[in-house]
Amino acid sequence: MTTGVLPAQALRSLIAKGAIAADPPVRDDQLQPASLDLRLGTVAYRVRASFLAGKGRTVTDRLEEFTMHKVDLTQGAVLEKNCVYLIPLAERLSLPAGVTAVANAKSSSGRLDLLTRTITDGGIEFDRIPEAYVGPLYAEVCPRSFSVLVRAGQRLNQIRFRQGQAVLDDAALTALHSREPLVSGQAVISEGLGFSVDLCPASGDLVGYRAKPHAGVVDLDKIGHYPAADFWEEVRTKDGRIILDPGAFYILVSREAVTIPPDYAAEMAPYLAMVGEFRVHYAGFFDPGFGHAAAGGQGSRGVLEVRCHEAPFVLEHGQVVGRLVYEKMSERPETLYGAGIASNYQGQGLKLAKQFKTS
């Protein structure tokens, strides 16, 4: 197997060999160009606190310590805001030597401020699955802004598989950008491709949205259903800056339009301490073809899911807030993001999660 991120066709091979298994079996529509959607199981455990299994220990062992009660998800159930839940996933792994995996929240989960992380038996860090791991997968879910109605089978997170490491260093990323522009405007390349925040829109003064603190429940299955104004306050500015309030959650957008060429995948670094006390972007996977002409794109801007921490922080137009790390694919995917598949965010600008309607 060639070094790099594994595309959908390689994931099919892993499924056929039993390296990826599930009950019920994996569906074809779970396969994305460079990742696999993971499905919630039938029960959620309300736990006292977030935890990792730890070396030599199983998640089941730790659940005995921390479980408060169980919630049946077969008919749907509400996960309460600011509570922590541990949900066994339908998928399990038996990874071959040399193959590792990393998980992340799906875009719609991040845009709902759903903290969604994957843990494993013996795990010592979130979202990282070591080579040759054999065992179940679990999702830790903590709704931060809105309580949510979830059901068994829904997909809050996704997993990407790698054979070896194929991250592009700055020299390789610069060379790629010279061959095929990765970003509109000047490329800021330092340990990845830097991106900045857009607080001077081409028209109007709407630059983002801020989650309302006392909104209702969001049913994840209801698409384009909820009036945005019931859950979000508009953030407007005429002077190219806003002040982030501690504890508040914002949806903003990058100034740059980003491109992911078909032979590459990217991951957004979620937090850069040197640029301010805030977190940017829960959902870090960018698939091959995102914003690319081969998949019907002309550059797509990155939506920024921003949470401010201890102190109010002034965010100004053009301020660098994060970076994209590019990796080589082991081979070109059979399908690209946005090319004939249900890709909700191709060609996006400032956009809320798919459950909301803004007009």
Protein backbone atom coordinates (compact mmCIF):
# COMPACT_ATOMS: atom_id res chain seq x y z
CA MET A 1 0.00 0.00 0.00
CA THR A 2 1.42 3.40 -1.00
CA THR A 3 2.20 5.97 1.69
CA GLY A 4 -0.50 8.58 2.23
CA VAL A 5 -4.11 9.14 3.23
CA LEU A 6 -6.30 6.26 2.11
CA PRO A 7 -9.10 7.08 -0.37
CA ALA A 8 -12.59 5.57 -0.47
CA GLN A 9 -11.56 2.65 -2.69
CA ALA A 10 -8.84 1.64 -0.20
CA LEU A 11 -11.36 1.87 2.63
CA ARG A 12 -13.61 -0.53 0.73
CA SER A 13 -10.72 -2.96 0.65
CA LEU A 14 -10.23 -2.61 4.43
CA ILE A 15 -13.95 -3.27 4.92
CA ALA A 16 -13.80 -6.37 2.71
CA LYS A 17 -10.85 -7.68 4.75
CA GLY A 18 -12.59 -7.03 8.08
CA ALA A 19 -10.15 -4.32 9.18
CA ILE A 20 -13.20 -2.05 9.37
CA ALA A 21 -16.31 -3.82 10.61
CA ALA A 22 -19.69 -2.69 11.87
CA ASP A 23 -23.07 -3.79 13.15
CA PRO A 24 -25.13 -3.01 11.12
CA PRO A 25 -22.71 -3.32 8.18
CA VAL A 26 -21.00 -0.23 6.77
CA ARG A 27 -23.17 1.59 4.21
CA ASP A 28 -21.74 2.81 0.94
CA ASP A 29 -22.89 6.36 1.63
CA GLN A 30 -20.68 6.49 4.72
CA LEU A 31 -17.64 6.57 2.45
CA GLN A 32 -16.34 10.04 1.69
CA PRO A 33 -13.43 10.75 -0.71
CA ALA A 34 -10.84 10.43 2.07
CA SER A 35 -12.74 9.42 5.20
CA LEU A 36 -15.50 7.27 6.65
CA ASP A 37 -18.52 8.59 8.54
CA LEU A 38 -19.03 6.89 11.92
CA ARG A 39 -22.50 6.06 13.25
CA LEU A 40 -23.91 6.37 16.74
CA GLY A 41 -24.91 3.15 18.46
CA THR A 42 -28.16 2.51 20.30
CA VAL A 43 -27.28 3.80 23.77
CA ALA A 44 -25.61 6.85 25.30
CA TYR A 45 -24.00 6.91 28.74
CA ARG A 46 -24.30 10.15 30.66
CA VAL A 47 -20.95 10.44 32.43
CA ARG A 48 -19.68 12.67 35.21
CA ALA A 49 -16.70 13.91 33.24
CA SER A 50 -14.73 13.50 30.05
CA PHE A 51 -12.09 10.77 30.25
CA LEU A 52 -9.62 8.66 28.33
CA ALA A 53 -9.37 4.91 28.86
CA GLY A 54 -5.64 5.04 29.56
CA LYS A 55 -2.97 2.50 28.75
CA GLY A 56 -4.01 -1.07 29.49
CA ARG A 57 -7.61 -0.15 30.35
CA THR A 58 -10.86 -0.45 28.43
CA VAL A 59 -13.58 2.15 27.99
CA THR A 60 -16.05 -0.32 29.52
CA ASP A 61 -13.95 -0.41 32.69
CA ARG A 62 -13.97 3.37 32.93
CA LEU A 63 -17.71 3.57 32.26
CA GLU A 64 -18.28 1.63 35.46
CA GLU A 65 -16.54 4.44 37.31
CA PHE A 66 -18.15 7.44 35.64
CA THR A 67 -21.63 6.49 34.33
CA MET A 68 -24.56 8.34 35.87
CA HIS A 69 -27.32 6.82 33.72
CA LYS A 70 -28.03 5.31 30.30
CA VAL A 71 -30.08 6.87 27.52
CA ASP A 72 -31.81 4.80 24.80
CA LEU A 73 -31.16 6.29 21.36
CA THR A 74 -33.24 3.87 19.28
CA GLN A 75 -36.25 6.21 19.17
CA GLY A 76 -34.25 9.40 19.66
CA ALA A 77 -33.25 11.23 22.83
CA VAL A 78 -32.12 14.69 23.85
CA LEU A 79 -28.49 15.23 24.81
CA GLU A 80 -28.52 18.15 27.21
CA LYS A 81 -26.36 21.23 26.80
CA ASN A 82 -23.11 21.14 28.80
CA CYS A 83 -23.51 17.46 29.72
CA VAL A 84 -20.99 14.80 28.68
CA TYR A 85 -22.12 11.59 26.97
CA LEU A 86 -20.19 8.52 25.87
CA ILE A 87 -21.76 6.66 22.92
CA PRO A 88 -20.49 3.31 21.56
CA LEU A 89 -20.20 3.56 17.77
CA ALA A 90 -21.45 0.98 15.28
CA GLU A 91 -17.96 0.63 13.77
CA ARG A 92 -14.97 -1.22 15.17
CA LEU A 93 -11.42 -1.63 13.89
CA SER A 94 -8.78 -4.28 13.39
CA LEU A 95 -6.06 -2.21 11.77
CA PRO A 96 -3.18 -3.80 9.87
CA ALA A 97 0.42 -2.90 10.70
CA GLY A 98 1.43 0.46 9.30
CA VAL A 99 -2.11 1.89 9.15
CA THR A 100 -3.13 4.53 11.68
CA ALA A 101 -6.31 6.59 11.92
CA VAL A 102 -7.42 10.00 13.12
CA ALA A 103 -11.00 11.04 13.83
CA ASN A 104 -12.73 14.40 13.86
CA ALA A 105 -16.15 15.98 14.11
CA LYS A 106 -18.12 16.33 10.90
CA SER A 107 -18.67 19.87 9.65
CA SER A 108 -22.29 20.07 10.80
CA SER A 109 -21.33 18.87 14.29
CA GLY A 110 -18.71 21.59 14.60
CA ARG A 111 -21.08 24.28 13.36
CA LEU A 112 -23.56 23.27 16.08
CA ASP A 113 -20.81 23.59 18.72
CA LEU A 114 -21.05 19.87 19.42
CA LEU A 115 -17.77 18.85 21.01
CA THR A 116 -17.40 15.39 19.47
CA ARG A 117 -14.28 13.30 20.07
CA THR A 118 -13.40 9.64 19.52
CA ILE A 119 -11.86 7.45 22.20
CA THR A 120 -10.59 3.87 22.14
CA ASP A 121 -9.62 1.11 24.53
CA GLY A 122 -6.14 1.84 25.86
CA GLY A 123 -6.31 5.33 24.38
CA ILE A 124 -4.09 8.06 25.82
CA GLU A 125 -5.28 10.88 23.53
CA PHE A 126 -8.51 11.85 21.80
CA ASP A 127 -9.14 11.14 18.12
CA ARG A 128 -5.86 9.25 17.52
CA ILE A 129 -5.96 5.53 16.77
CA PRO A 130 -2.60 3.75 16.71
CA GLU A 131 -1.49 1.20 14.14
CA ALA A 132 -2.66 -2.38 14.70
CA TYR A 133 -5.46 -1.19 17.02
CA VAL A 134 -8.09 -3.87 17.52
CA GLY A 135 -11.26 -2.92 19.32
CA PRO A 136 -14.36 -0.75 19.53
CA LEU A 137 -14.77 2.98 18.95
CA TYR A 138 -16.67 5.43 21.12
CA ALA A 139 -17.83 9.01 20.61
CA GLU A 140 -17.66 11.48 23.46
CA VAL A 141 -20.30 14.12 22.82
CA CYS A 142 -20.79 17.35 24.76
CA PRO A 143 -23.30 19.86 23.34
CA ARG A 144 -21.88 23.29 24.18
CA SER A 145 -24.39 25.79 22.78
CA PHE A 146 -27.62 23.88 22.06
CA SER A 147 -29.24 20.72 23.40
CA VAL A 148 -29.65 18.27 20.51
CA LEU A 149 -32.01 15.44 19.63
CA VAL A 150 -30.01 12.47 18.32
CA ARG A 151 -30.82 8.97 17.11
CA ALA A 152 -28.94 5.72 16.64
CA GLY A 153 -27.28 5.66 13.24
CA GLN A 154 -26.64 9.38 13.00
CA ARG A 155 -23.16 10.53 12.03
CA LEU A 156 -21.46 13.13 14.19
CA ASN A 157 -17.84 12.26 13.52
CA GLN A 158 -15.64 10.79 10.82
CA ILE A 159 -12.38 8.89 10.58
CA ARG A 160 -9.44 9.15 8.20
CA PHE A 161 -6.87 6.38 7.65
CA ARG A 162 -3.19 6.75 6.79
CA GLN A 163 -0.46 4.44 5.59
CA GLY A 164 2.70 5.99 7.02
CA GLN A 165 3.07 9.77 7.05
CA ALA A 166 2.77 12.03 4.01
CA VAL A 167 2.44 15.52 5.50
CA LEU A 168 3.86 18.21 3.21
CA ASP A 169 6.59 20.30 4.77
CA ASP A 170 6.77 24.00 3.98
CA ALA A 171 9.05 23.50 0.98
CA ALA A 172 6.76 20.88 -0.56
CA LEU A 173 3.68 22.99 0.19
CA THR A 174 5.29 26.04 -1.44
CA ALA A 175 6.13 23.97 -4.51
CA LEU A 176 2.56 22.65 -4.72
CA HIS A 177 1.16 26.17 -4.41
CA SER A 178 3.42 27.35 -7.24
CA ARG A 179 2.08 24.58 -9.48
CA GLU A 180 -1.53 24.86 -8.43
CA PRO A 181 -2.63 27.82 -6.29
CA LEU A 182 -4.04 26.58 -2.99
CA VAL A 183 -5.45 29.86 -1.77
CA SER A 184 -6.65 33.15 -3.21
CA GLY A 185 -4.22 35.97 -2.56
CA GLN A 186 -0.77 35.62 -1.05
CA ALA A 187 -0.01 32.26 0.56
CA VAL A 188 1.23 32.41 4.15
CA ILE A 189 3.13 29.14 4.57
CA SER A 190 4.57 28.25 7.97
CA GLU A 191 3.98 24.73 9.32
CA GLY A 192 1.04 24.60 6.94
CA LEU A 193 -1.05 27.09 4.97
CA GLY A 194 -2.16 30.02 7.09
CA PHE A 195 -5.67 31.44 6.83
CA SER A 196 -7.19 34.61 8.21
CA VAL A 197 -10.61 35.88 9.23
CA ASP A 198 -12.87 37.98 6.98
CA LEU A 199 -14.40 40.93 8.84
CA CYS A 200 -14.79 43.21 5.80
CA PRO A 201 -17.32 41.48 3.52
CA ALA A 202 -17.65 42.52 -0.09
CA SER A 203 -21.21 43.68 0.56
CA GLY A 204 -23.06 44.56 3.73
CA ASP A 205 -21.71 44.33 7.27
CA LEU A 206 -22.75 40.79 8.32
CA VAL A 207 -19.55 38.99 9.31
CA GLY A 208 -20.80 36.10 11.43
CA TYR A 209 -23.21 34.63 13.92
CA ARG A 210 -23.10 34.19 17.69
CA ALA A 211 -24.99 31.37 19.40
CA LYS A 212 -27.81 32.52 21.66
CA PRO A 213 -27.33 31.28 25.22
CA HIS A 214 -30.87 30.05 25.92
CA ALA A 215 -32.12 28.55 22.63
CA GLY A 216 -34.24 25.43 22.17
CA VAL A 217 -33.44 21.87 21.09
CA VAL A 218 -32.03 21.11 17.63
CA ASP A 219 -33.26 17.88 15.99
CA LEU A 220 -30.29 16.83 13.87
CA ASP A 221 -32.52 15.16 11.26
CA LYS A 222 -34.40 18.37 10.43
CA ILE A 223 -32.59 19.99 7.50
CA GLY A 224 -33.24 23.66 6.66
CA HIS A 225 -35.89 23.66 9.37
CA TYR A 226 -35.01 26.11 12.13
CA PRO A 227 -35.13 29.90 11.67
CA ALA A 228 -31.59 31.07 12.29
CA ALA A 229 -32.82 34.00 14.38
CA ASP A 230 -34.20 31.60 17.01
CA PHE A 231 -30.72 30.27 17.73
CA TRP A 232 -28.22 32.85 16.47
CA GLU A 233 -27.50 36.54 16.83
CA GLU A 234 -26.07 38.26 13.78
CA VAL A 235 -22.60 39.73 14.22
CA ARG A 236 -22.10 42.92 12.22
CA THR A 237 -19.24 45.39 12.00
CA LYS A 238 -18.31 48.35 9.81
CA ASP A 239 -14.78 48.82 11.15
CA GLY A 240 -13.28 45.41 10.42
CA ARG A 241 -13.07 44.14 13.97
CA ILE A 242 -15.15 42.44 16.63
CA ILE A 243 -14.62 41.64 20.30
CA LEU A 244 -15.02 37.98 21.21
CA ASP A 245 -16.74 37.41 24.55
CA PRO A 246 -15.38 34.67 26.85
CA GLY A 247 -17.45 31.51 26.62
CA ALA A 248 -19.36 32.64 23.53
CA PHE A 249 -19.44 30.61 20.30
CA TYR A 250 -19.17 32.26 16.89
CA ILE A 251 -19.50 31.22 13.25
CA LEU A 252 -17.16 33.31 11.09
CA VAL A 253 -15.53 32.76 7.70
CA SER A 254 -12.01 32.81 6.31
CA ARG A 255 -10.90 35.67 4.08
CA GLU A 256 -9.19 33.24 1.70
CA ALA A 257 -10.84 30.84 -0.72
CA VAL A 258 -9.12 27.49 -0.26
CA THR A 259 -8.46 24.71 -2.75
CA ILE A 260 -7.64 21.06 -2.03
CA PRO A 261 -6.24 19.38 -5.19
CA PRO A 262 -7.54 15.88 -6.04
CA ASP A 263 -4.32 14.10 -4.97
CA TYR A 264 -4.24 15.74 -1.53
CA ALA A 265 -6.23 16.02 1.68
CA ALA A 266 -5.96 18.61 4.42
CA GLU A 267 -6.68 19.05 8.09
CA MET A 268 -7.25 22.32 9.88
CA ALA A 269 -5.26 22.83 13.05
CA PRO A 270 -7.92 23.50 15.72
CA TYR A 271 -6.01 25.88 17.97
CA LEU A 272 -3.02 28.17 17.75
CA ALA A 273 -2.13 29.63 21.15
CA MET A 274 0.16 32.27 19.67
CA VAL A 275 -2.64 34.06 17.81
CA GLY A 276 -5.06 34.49 20.72
CA GLU A 277 -6.95 32.77 23.50
CA PHE A 278 -9.58 31.13 21.37
CA ARG A 279 -10.22 27.85 19.56
CA VAL A 280 -10.87 27.77 15.82
CA HIS A 281 -12.60 24.93 14.01
CA TYR A 282 -13.77 21.66 15.55
CA ALA A 283 -14.23 19.88 12.21
CA GLY A 284 -10.80 19.64 10.71
CA PHE A 285 -11.02 17.42 7.59
CA PHE A 286 -10.94 18.92 4.11
CA ASP A 287 -11.48 16.30 1.42
CA PRO A 288 -9.78 16.07 -1.99
CA GLY A 289 -11.61 18.33 -4.43
CA PHE A 290 -12.81 20.87 -1.83
CA GLY A 291 -13.03 24.16 -3.73
CA HIS A 292 -11.25 22.63 -6.75
CA ALA A 293 -12.25 23.14 -10.38
CA ALA A 294 -12.13 19.37 -11.02
CA ALA A 295 -15.03 19.02 -8.55
CA GLY A 296 -17.01 22.02 -9.69
CA GLY A 297 -15.47 24.47 -7.24
CA GLN A 298 -13.76 27.82 -7.69
CA GLY A 299 -12.26 27.97 -4.24
CA SER A 300 -14.29 27.55 -1.07
CA ARG A 301 -13.82 29.60 2.04
CA GLY A 302 -13.34 27.87 5.36
CA VAL A 303 -16.03 28.35 7.99
CA LEU A 304 -14.47 29.17 11.35
CA GLU A 305 -16.05 27.79 14.50
CA VAL A 306 -14.64 30.07 17.16
CA ARG A 307 -14.86 29.88 20.94
CA CYS A 308 -13.16 32.50 23.08
CA HIS A 309 -11.59 31.44 26.37
CA GLU A 310 -10.55 33.40 29.46
CA ALA A 311 -10.52 37.04 28.34
CA PRO A 312 -12.32 39.23 25.78
CA PHE A 313 -10.27 39.29 22.59
CA VAL A 314 -10.22 41.77 19.71
CA LEU A 315 -10.32 39.96 16.37
CA GLU A 316 -9.40 42.09 13.36
CA HIS A 317 -9.88 41.65 9.63
CA GLY A 318 -7.08 39.68 8.01
CA GLN A 319 -5.73 38.34 11.30
CA VAL A 320 -4.22 34.88 10.87
CA VAL A 321 -6.24 32.47 13.01
CA GLY A 322 -5.10 29.01 11.98
CA ARG A 323 -3.51 26.82 9.35
CA LEU A 324 -4.27 23.97 6.99
CA VAL A 325 -1.89 21.01 7.01
CA TYR A 326 -1.79 19.23 3.64
CA GLU A 327 -1.11 15.53 3.10
CA LYS A 328 -0.57 13.42 0.01
CA MET A 329 -3.22 10.85 -0.82
CA SER A 330 -1.98 7.29 -1.34
CA GLU A 331 -3.91 7.45 -4.63
CA ARG A 332 -6.49 9.75 -6.17
CA PRO A 333 -10.00 9.08 -4.79
CA GLU A 334 -12.61 7.57 -7.09
CA THR A 335 -14.87 10.54 -6.24
CA LEU A 336 -14.04 14.09 -5.21
CA TYR A 337 -15.71 16.39 -2.71
CA GLY A 338 -18.65 18.04 -4.42
CA ALA A 339 -18.41 15.95 -7.60
CA GLY A 340 -21.66 13.99 -7.76
CA ILE A 341 -21.86 13.34 -4.01
CA ALA A 342 -23.91 15.06 -1.32
CA SER A 343 -21.38 17.72 -0.30
CA ASN A 344 -23.16 20.38 1.75
CA TYR A 345 -20.42 22.98 1.82
CA GLN A 346 -18.78 23.10 -1.65
CA GLY A 347 -18.46 26.71 -2.80
CA GLN A 348 -19.44 27.93 0.64
CA GLY A 349 -19.09 31.33 2.21
CA LEU A 350 -20.43 32.26 5.63
CA LYS A 351 -22.82 29.41 6.35
CA LEU A 352 -24.54 27.93 9.39
CA ALA A 353 -25.11 24.21 9.95
CA LYS A 354 -27.54 22.58 7.54
CA GLN A 355 -30.35 22.43 10.14
CA PHE A 356 -30.89 26.21 9.92
CA LYS A 357 -32.51 28.48 7.38
CA THR A 358 -31.33 32.08 7.19
CA SER A 359 -34.20 33.54 5.16
